[in-house]
């Protein structure tokens, strides 16, 4: 079993980093190739907010994977999309992207969970990373990983 705290080693020469505005088109291409619906304007806003990650092949600088987060509630980060180029799949890149997103969420004050909604065939991927899984009944599932504890108002 993989773990979000130790997703295993990345392939040599691949780095996970925050997406920049210059990565926008590459991120769109990676997500599009995975047949994930993406709103280009919303993606631009997510990149500007620091809520997008890329897996970059260091030798060429090419983006081989991407992850986009949303902030549906102040205390929760949601994996809106994660994809890896077909020829790079199965090497731990997707796990490393999710692990980095979880580490970043843990570092944010008041964030207590990372969630995801995904096709049921990805259940094992998220379960292996430690997400608790709940089927939605429509061929999809929801995952939740507690990353900290938001401080409730005492008022």
C-alpha atoms as a PDB file:
ATOM      1  CA  UNK A   1       0.000   0.000   0.000  1.00  0.00           C
ATOM      2  CA  UNK A   2       1.170   3.502  -0.841  1.00  0.00           C
ATOM      3  CA  UNK A   3       0.743   6.276   1.671  1.00  0.00           C
ATOM      4  CA  UNK A   4       0.247   9.970   1.078  1.00  0.00           C
ATOM      5  CA  UNK A   5       3.105  10.648   3.523  1.00  0.00           C
ATOM      6  CA  UNK A   6       5.377   8.327   1.547  1.00  0.00           C
ATOM      7  CA  UNK A   7       4.058   7.826  -1.987  1.00  0.00           C
ATOM      8  CA  UNK A   8       7.363   6.260  -3.018  1.00  0.00           C
ATOM      9  CA  UNK A   9      10.118   7.647  -5.175  1.00  0.00           C
ATOM     10  CA  UNK A  10       9.426   9.721  -8.246  1.00  0.00           C
ATOM     11  CA  UNK A  11      11.020   8.626 -11.487  1.00  0.00           C
ATOM     12  CA  UNK A  12      14.474  10.111 -11.876  1.00  0.00           C
ATOM     13  CA  UNK A  13      14.386  13.547 -13.416  1.00  0.00           C
ATOM     14  CA  UNK A  14      10.763  14.386 -12.485  1.00  0.00           C
ATOM     15  CA  UNK A  15       9.986  17.209 -10.062  1.00  0.00           C
ATOM     16  CA  UNK A  16       6.685  18.318  -8.518  1.00  0.00           C
ATOM     17  CA  UNK A  17       6.268  22.082  -8.332  1.00  0.00           C
ATOM     18  CA  UNK A  18       3.668  24.819  -8.327  1.00  0.00           C
ATOM     19  CA  UNK A  19       2.285  25.609 -11.761  1.00  0.00           C
ATOM     20  CA  UNK A  20       3.096  29.006 -13.206  1.00  0.00           C
ATOM     21  CA  UNK A  21       1.070  31.064 -15.688  1.00  0.00           C
ATOM     22  CA  UNK A  22       3.478  29.837 -18.387  1.00  0.00           C
ATOM     23  CA  UNK A  23       2.342  26.247 -17.630  1.00  0.00           C
ATOM     24  CA  UNK A  24      -1.347  26.978 -18.334  1.00  0.00           C
ATOM     25  CA  UNK A  25      -1.465  25.545 -21.850  1.00  0.00           C
ATOM     26  CA  UNK A  26       0.564  22.462 -20.873  1.00  0.00           C
ATOM     27  CA  UNK A  27      -1.726  21.808 -17.897  1.00  0.00           C
ATOM     28  CA  UNK A  28      -4.781  22.149 -20.150  1.00  0.00           C
ATOM     29  CA  UNK A  29      -3.241  19.671 -22.606  1.00  0.00           C
ATOM     30  CA  UNK A  30      -2.480  17.087 -19.893  1.00  0.00           C
ATOM     31  CA  UNK A  31      -5.997  17.350 -18.452  1.00  0.00           C
ATOM     32  CA  UNK A  32      -7.580  17.337 -21.904  1.00  0.00           C
ATOM     33  CA  UNK A  33      -5.630  14.217 -22.925  1.00  0.00           C
ATOM     34  CA  UNK A  34      -7.073  12.497 -19.842  1.00  0.00           C
ATOM     35  CA  UNK A  35     -10.557  13.575 -21.004  1.00  0.00           C
ATOM     36  CA  UNK A  36     -11.107  15.732 -17.928  1.00  0.00           C
ATOM     37  CA  UNK A  37     -13.395  18.717 -18.383  1.00  0.00           C
ATOM     38  CA  UNK A  38     -11.538  21.904 -17.578  1.00  0.00           C
ATOM     39  CA  UNK A  39     -12.636  25.514 -17.692  1.00  0.00           C
ATOM     40  CA  UNK A  40      -9.623  27.459 -19.014  1.00  0.00           C
ATOM     41  CA  UNK A  41     -10.541  30.655 -17.146  1.00  0.00           C
ATOM     42  CA  UNK A  42     -11.032  28.769 -13.894  1.00  0.00           C
ATOM     43  CA  UNK A  43      -7.696  27.004 -14.408  1.00  0.00           C
ATOM     44  CA  UNK A  44      -5.966  30.356 -14.851  1.00  0.00           C
ATOM     45  CA  UNK A  45      -7.473  31.517 -11.526  1.00  0.00           C
ATOM     46  CA  UNK A  46      -6.371  28.289  -9.780  1.00  0.00           C
ATOM     47  CA  UNK A  47      -2.812  28.723 -11.061  1.00  0.00           C
ATOM     48  CA  UNK A  48      -2.790  32.370  -9.897  1.00  0.00           C
ATOM     49  CA  UNK A  49      -4.057  31.251  -6.466  1.00  0.00           C
ATOM     50  CA  UNK A  50      -1.272  28.669  -6.159  1.00  0.00           C
ATOM     51  CA  UNK A  51      -3.747  25.793  -6.370  1.00  0.00           C
ATOM     52  CA  UNK A  52      -2.230  23.951  -9.324  1.00  0.00           C
ATOM     53  CA  UNK A  53       0.772  21.638  -9.379  1.00  0.00           C
ATOM     54  CA  UNK A  54       2.769  20.187 -12.223  1.00  0.00           C
ATOM     55  CA  UNK A  55       5.058  17.210 -12.567  1.00  0.00           C
ATOM     56  CA  UNK A  56       7.876  18.397 -14.766  1.00  0.00           C
ATOM     57  CA  UNK A  57      10.427  16.312 -16.643  1.00  0.00           C
ATOM     58  CA  UNK A  58      13.530  18.228 -15.595  1.00  0.00           C
ATOM     59  CA  UNK A  59      15.662  17.478 -18.653  1.00  0.00           C
ATOM     60  CA  UNK A  60      13.213  19.038 -21.121  1.00  0.00           C
ATOM     61  CA  UNK A  61      11.007  21.139 -18.834  1.00  0.00           C
ATOM     62  CA  UNK A  62       7.914  19.426 -20.222  1.00  0.00           C
ATOM     63  CA  UNK A  63       4.828  18.988 -18.045  1.00  0.00           C
ATOM     64  CA  UNK A  64       4.048  15.272 -17.675  1.00  0.00           C
ATOM     65  CA  UNK A  65       1.361  15.546 -14.996  1.00  0.00           C
ATOM     66  CA  UNK A  66      -0.910  18.110 -13.370  1.00  0.00           C
ATOM     67  CA  UNK A  67      -3.189  18.540 -10.375  1.00  0.00           C
ATOM     68  CA  UNK A  68      -5.746  21.292  -9.804  1.00  0.00           C
ATOM     69  CA  UNK A  69      -7.303  22.081  -6.425  1.00  0.00           C
ATOM     70  CA  UNK A  70     -10.386  24.087  -5.524  1.00  0.00           C
ATOM     71  CA  UNK A  71     -11.361  25.628  -2.191  1.00  0.00           C
ATOM     72  CA  UNK A  72     -15.057  24.814  -1.750  1.00  0.00           C
ATOM     73  CA  UNK A  73     -14.866  25.721   1.954  1.00  0.00           C
ATOM     74  CA  UNK A  74     -12.151  27.547   3.911  1.00  0.00           C
ATOM     75  CA  UNK A  75     -11.218  24.361   5.793  1.00  0.00           C
ATOM     76  CA  UNK A  76     -11.202  22.014   2.795  1.00  0.00           C
ATOM     77  CA  UNK A  77      -9.152  21.564  -0.355  1.00  0.00           C
ATOM     78  CA  UNK A  78     -10.681  19.521  -3.169  1.00  0.00           C
ATOM     79  CA  UNK A  79      -8.730  17.687  -5.881  1.00  0.00           C
ATOM     80  CA  UNK A  80     -10.654  18.919  -8.898  1.00  0.00           C
ATOM     81  CA  UNK A  81      -8.446  17.166 -11.449  1.00  0.00           C
ATOM     82  CA  UNK A  82      -5.294  15.080 -11.532  1.00  0.00           C
ATOM     83  CA  UNK A  83      -3.789  13.573 -14.674  1.00  0.00           C
ATOM     84  CA  UNK A  84      -0.541  12.130 -15.957  1.00  0.00           C
ATOM     85  CA  UNK A  85       0.460  11.734 -19.596  1.00  0.00           C
ATOM     86  CA  UNK A  86      -0.332   8.217 -20.768  1.00  0.00           C
ATOM     87  CA  UNK A  87       3.295   7.249 -21.428  1.00  0.00           C
ATOM     88  CA  UNK A  88       4.264   8.306 -17.866  1.00  0.00           C
ATOM     89  CA  UNK A  89       1.449   6.581 -15.943  1.00  0.00           C
ATOM     90  CA  UNK A  90       2.107   3.852 -13.403  1.00  0.00           C
ATOM     91  CA  UNK A  91       5.351   5.412 -12.180  1.00  0.00           C
ATOM     92  CA  UNK A  92       4.113   7.207  -9.064  1.00  0.00           C
ATOM     93  CA  UNK A  93       3.677  10.659 -10.594  1.00  0.00           C
ATOM     94  CA  UNK A  94      -0.052  10.919  -9.818  1.00  0.00           C
ATOM     95  CA  UNK A  95       0.551   9.731  -6.250  1.00  0.00           C
ATOM     96  CA  UNK A  96       3.326  12.283  -5.836  1.00  0.00           C
ATOM     97  CA  UNK A  97       1.062  15.086  -7.099  1.00  0.00           C
ATOM     98  CA  UNK A  98      -1.674  14.172  -4.596  1.00  0.00           C
ATOM     99  CA  UNK A  99       0.887  13.745  -1.793  1.00  0.00           C
ATOM    100  CA  UNK A 100       2.276  17.228  -2.455  1.00  0.00           C
ATOM    101  CA  UNK A 101      -1.248  18.705  -2.464  1.00  0.00           C
ATOM    102  CA  UNK A 102      -1.910  17.029   0.897  1.00  0.00           C
ATOM    103  CA  UNK A 103       1.386  18.291   2.365  1.00  0.00           C
ATOM    104  CA  UNK A 104       0.555  21.813   1.185  1.00  0.00           C
ATOM    105  CA  UNK A 105      -2.938  21.572   2.739  1.00  0.00           C
ATOM    106  CA  UNK A 106      -1.441  20.381   6.048  1.00  0.00           C
ATOM    107  CA  UNK A 107       0.795  23.441   6.075  1.00  0.00           C
ATOM    108  CA  UNK A 108      -2.200  25.807   5.780  1.00  0.00           C
ATOM    109  CA  UNK A 109      -3.730  26.984   9.026  1.00  0.00           C
ATOM    110  CA  UNK A 110      -7.363  25.927   9.413  1.00  0.00           C
ATOM    111  CA  UNK A 111      -7.405  23.309   6.632  1.00  0.00           C
ATOM    112  CA  UNK A 112      -8.654  20.004   7.970  1.00  0.00           C
ATOM    113  CA  UNK A 113      -9.328  17.832   4.907  1.00  0.00           C
ATOM    114  CA  UNK A 114      -8.510  17.119   1.303  1.00  0.00           C
ATOM    115  CA  UNK A 115     -11.342  15.618  -0.719  1.00  0.00           C
ATOM    116  CA  UNK A 116     -11.801  14.253  -4.230  1.00  0.00           C
ATOM    117  CA  UNK A 117     -14.654  12.984  -6.398  1.00  0.00           C
ATOM    118  CA  UNK A 118     -13.609  10.498  -9.060  1.00  0.00           C
ATOM    119  CA  UNK A 119     -14.613   7.613 -11.301  1.00  0.00           C
ATOM    120  CA  UNK A 120     -15.045   4.419  -9.294  1.00  0.00           C
ATOM    121  CA  UNK A 121     -12.161   2.765 -11.150  1.00  0.00           C
ATOM    122  CA  UNK A 122      -9.807   5.175  -9.319  1.00  0.00           C
ATOM    123  CA  UNK A 123     -10.963   4.024  -5.886  1.00  0.00           C
ATOM    124  CA  UNK A 124      -7.839   1.937  -5.275  1.00  0.00           C
ATOM    125  CA  UNK A 125      -5.567   4.859  -6.228  1.00  0.00           C
ATOM    126  CA  UNK A 126      -7.131   7.130  -3.594  1.00  0.00           C
ATOM    127  CA  UNK A 127      -7.584   4.372  -0.996  1.00  0.00           C
ATOM    128  CA  UNK A 128      -3.885   3.486  -1.304  1.00  0.00           C
ATOM    129  CA  UNK A 129      -3.072   7.110  -0.492  1.00  0.00           C
ATOM    130  CA  UNK A 130      -5.113   6.869   2.727  1.00  0.00           C
ATOM    131  CA  UNK A 131      -8.374   8.489   1.619  1.00  0.00           C
ATOM    132  CA  UNK A 132     -11.572   7.105   3.123  1.00  0.00           C
ATOM    133  CA  UNK A 133     -13.868   6.207   0.232  1.00  0.00           C
ATOM    134  CA  UNK A 134     -17.624   6.498  -0.133  1.00  0.00           C
ATOM    135  CA  UNK A 135     -19.397   5.291  -3.308  1.00  0.00           C
ATOM    136  CA  UNK A 136     -21.821   7.828  -4.753  1.00  0.00           C
ATOM    137  CA  UNK A 137     -23.971   5.248  -6.546  1.00  0.00           C
ATOM    138  CA  UNK A 138     -23.492   6.704 -10.012  1.00  0.00           C
ATOM    139  CA  UNK A 139     -20.247   4.984 -11.013  1.00  0.00           C
ATOM    140  CA  UNK A 140     -18.270   7.547  -9.070  1.00  0.00           C
ATOM    141  CA  UNK A 141     -16.893   7.799  -5.553  1.00  0.00           C
ATOM    142  CA  UNK A 142     -15.855  10.411  -3.027  1.00  0.00           C
ATOM    143  CA  UNK A 143     -12.678  10.360  -1.000  1.00  0.00           C
ATOM    144  CA  UNK A 144     -11.699  12.291   2.113  1.00  0.00           C
ATOM    145  CA  UNK A 145      -8.383  12.537   3.908  1.00  0.00           C
ATOM    146  CA  UNK A 146      -8.119  14.342   7.232  1.00  0.00           C
ATOM    147  CA  UNK A 147      -5.013  16.519   7.251  1.00  0.00           C
ATOM    148  CA  UNK A 148      -5.383  18.566  10.421  1.00  0.00           C
ATOM    149  CA  UNK A 149      -7.981  20.142  12.566  1.00  0.00           C
ATOM    150  CA  UNK A 150      -9.554  23.478  11.855  1.00  0.00           C
ATOM    151  CA  UNK A 151     -10.029  25.554  14.969  1.00  0.00           C
ATOM    152  CA  UNK A 152     -13.738  26.216  15.558  1.00  0.00           C
ATOM    153  CA  UNK A 153     -14.928  29.634  16.713  1.00  0.00           C
ATOM    154  CA  UNK A 154     -15.425  29.799  20.441  1.00  0.00           C
ATOM    155  CA  UNK A 155     -17.917  32.651  20.138  1.00  0.00           C
END
